[in-house]
Amino acid sequence: MTSTSPGAIDPTVPPSGTGCAECLAVDDGWWFHLRRCAQCGHIGCCDTSPGQHATRHFEETGHSVMRSFEPGENWFWDFRREAALLGPELTPPTSRPDDQEPPAPSERVPDDWEDKLN
């Protein structure tokens, strides 16, 4: 693991919510796992999810470091370096709610959801 880039992580910024912001903005959006931008707190879905919004957030903003937003996971990823990073503890909450099991939100997940994963 490598150290973080200066300015790529702001541990004082809270997460933008408890689910993928872009998926929640549309009626049929859903995700598999969640990622949190370590710079601005944006919550996006992982690359296995249909929307791949965490990667899109990096591409649109240049915010290169994200952290897992799954319970029990505290790893960081730097999109620019394509490398795992060490990082500080972030402002809580540090994961989605425990009762929000993936895929989520449950009422939006299609019956054939496994076929739609990347």
Protein backbone atom coordinates (compact mmCIF):
# COMPACT_ATOMS: atom_id res chain seq x y z
CA MET A 1 0.00 0.00 0.00
CA THR A 2 1.12 3.53 -0.72
CA SER A 3 0.53 6.82 1.07
CA THR A 4 -2.18 9.26 0.01
CA SER A 5 -1.77 12.25 -2.28
CA PRO A 6 -1.96 15.64 -0.54
CA GLY A 7 -5.49 17.07 -0.76
CA ALA A 8 -7.00 13.83 -2.03
CA ILE A 9 -8.56 13.04 1.35
CA ASP A 10 -10.54 15.36 3.60
CA PRO A 11 -11.39 13.34 6.71
CA THR A 12 -13.74 16.07 7.99
CA VAL A 13 -16.27 15.83 5.14
CA PRO A 14 -19.30 13.65 5.92
CA PRO A 15 -20.75 11.25 3.34
CA SER A 16 -23.39 12.61 0.98
CA GLY A 17 -25.94 10.04 2.16
CA THR A 18 -26.42 6.33 2.71
CA GLY A 19 -26.84 5.27 -0.92
CA CYS A 20 -25.56 6.03 -4.42
CA ALA A 21 -26.60 9.61 -5.17
CA GLU A 22 -27.06 9.02 -8.92
CA CYS A 23 -28.95 5.74 -8.52
CA LEU A 24 -31.32 7.35 -6.02
CA ALA A 25 -31.96 10.23 -8.43
CA VAL A 26 -33.71 7.92 -10.92
CA ASP A 27 -36.72 5.68 -10.40
CA ASP A 28 -35.04 2.42 -11.38
CA GLY A 29 -31.53 2.96 -9.99
CA TRP A 30 -29.94 0.34 -7.74
CA TRP A 31 -26.44 -0.71 -6.68
CA PHE A 32 -24.43 -3.65 -5.49
CA HIS A 33 -21.74 -2.05 -3.27
CA LEU A 34 -21.00 1.54 -2.33
CA ARG A 35 -17.90 3.74 -2.44
CA ARG A 36 -17.26 7.11 -0.76
CA CYS A 37 -15.21 9.90 -2.30
CA ALA A 38 -12.50 10.66 0.26
CA GLN A 39 -12.31 14.28 -0.88
CA CYS A 40 -15.95 15.44 -1.01
CA GLY A 41 -17.96 12.59 0.57
CA HIS A 42 -19.96 11.71 -2.57
CA ILE A 43 -21.45 8.22 -2.34
CA GLY A 44 -21.40 6.29 -5.62
CA CYS A 45 -21.84 2.67 -6.60
CA CYS A 46 -18.99 0.26 -7.31
CA ASP A 47 -17.77 -0.91 -10.72
CA THR A 48 -19.71 -4.17 -10.32
CA SER A 49 -22.93 -2.13 -10.14
CA PRO A 50 -24.70 -1.27 -13.40
CA GLY A 51 -24.15 2.50 -12.99
CA GLN A 52 -20.49 2.47 -11.91
CA HIS A 53 -21.05 5.93 -10.41
CA ALA A 54 -17.97 6.02 -8.14
CA THR A 55 -15.71 5.74 -11.20
CA ARG A 56 -17.83 8.29 -13.07
CA HIS A 57 -17.46 10.67 -10.13
CA PHE A 58 -13.68 10.39 -10.43
CA GLU A 59 -13.83 10.93 -14.20
CA GLU A 60 -16.06 14.00 -13.85
CA THR A 61 -14.40 15.65 -10.83
CA GLY A 62 -10.84 14.37 -10.75
CA HIS A 63 -11.33 13.29 -7.13
CA SER A 64 -9.10 10.24 -7.33
CA VAL A 65 -9.36 8.59 -3.91
CA MET A 66 -12.36 6.67 -2.67
CA ARG A 67 -13.02 4.42 0.27
CA SER A 68 -15.32 1.45 0.60
CA PHE A 69 -18.67 2.41 2.15
CA GLU A 70 -19.44 -1.16 3.17
CA PRO A 71 -19.61 -2.29 6.83
CA GLY A 72 -16.32 -3.64 8.14
CA GLU A 73 -14.29 -2.37 5.15
CA ASN A 74 -11.84 0.52 5.56
CA TRP A 75 -9.73 0.28 2.39
CA PHE A 76 -8.98 3.20 0.09
CA TRP A 77 -8.40 3.11 -3.68
CA ASP A 78 -6.64 5.69 -5.85
CA PHE A 79 -8.06 5.67 -9.38
CA ARG A 80 -5.11 7.66 -10.78
CA ARG A 81 -2.45 5.29 -9.47
CA GLU A 82 -4.67 2.21 -9.63
CA ALA A 83 -3.40 1.33 -6.18
CA ALA A 84 -4.67 0.63 -2.68
CA LEU A 85 -3.83 3.32 -0.14
CA LEU A 86 -3.52 3.83 3.55
CA GLY A 87 -5.73 6.60 4.84
CA PRO A 88 -7.11 8.27 7.92
CA GLU A 89 -10.37 7.55 9.68
CA LEU A 90 -13.18 9.49 7.99
CA THR A 91 -16.08 11.37 9.55
CA PRO A 92 -18.93 8.97 10.40
CA PRO A 93 -20.90 7.26 9.20
CA THR A 94 -18.19 5.17 7.58
CA SER A 95 -20.54 2.68 5.92
CA ARG A 96 -24.04 2.13 4.66
CA PRO A 97 -26.59 1.09 7.29
CA ASP A 98 -26.20 -2.56 8.32
CA ASP A 99 -29.82 -3.30 7.39
CA GLN A 100 -29.32 -2.02 3.82
CA GLU A 101 -28.08 -5.33 2.44
CA PRO A 102 -26.81 -5.35 -1.15
CA PRO A 103 -28.12 -5.16 -3.71
CA ALA A 104 -30.12 -2.08 -2.74
CA PRO A 105 -32.51 -0.40 -2.45
CA SER A 106 -34.38 -3.71 -2.26
CA GLU A 107 -37.61 -2.37 -3.76
CA ARG A 108 -35.77 -1.35 -6.96
CA VAL A 109 -33.63 -4.43 -7.53
CA PRO A 110 -34.80 -6.41 -10.57
CA ASP A 111 -35.37 -10.17 -10.30
CA ASP A 112 -32.51 -10.78 -12.75
CA TRP A 113 -30.09 -8.45 -10.93
CA GLU A 114 -27.19 -10.92 -11.01
CA ASP A 115 -27.30 -10.87 -14.82
CA LYS A 116 -26.95 -7.08 -14.76
CA LEU A 117 -23.72 -6.92 -12.74
CA ASN A 118 -20.50 -5.90 -14.47
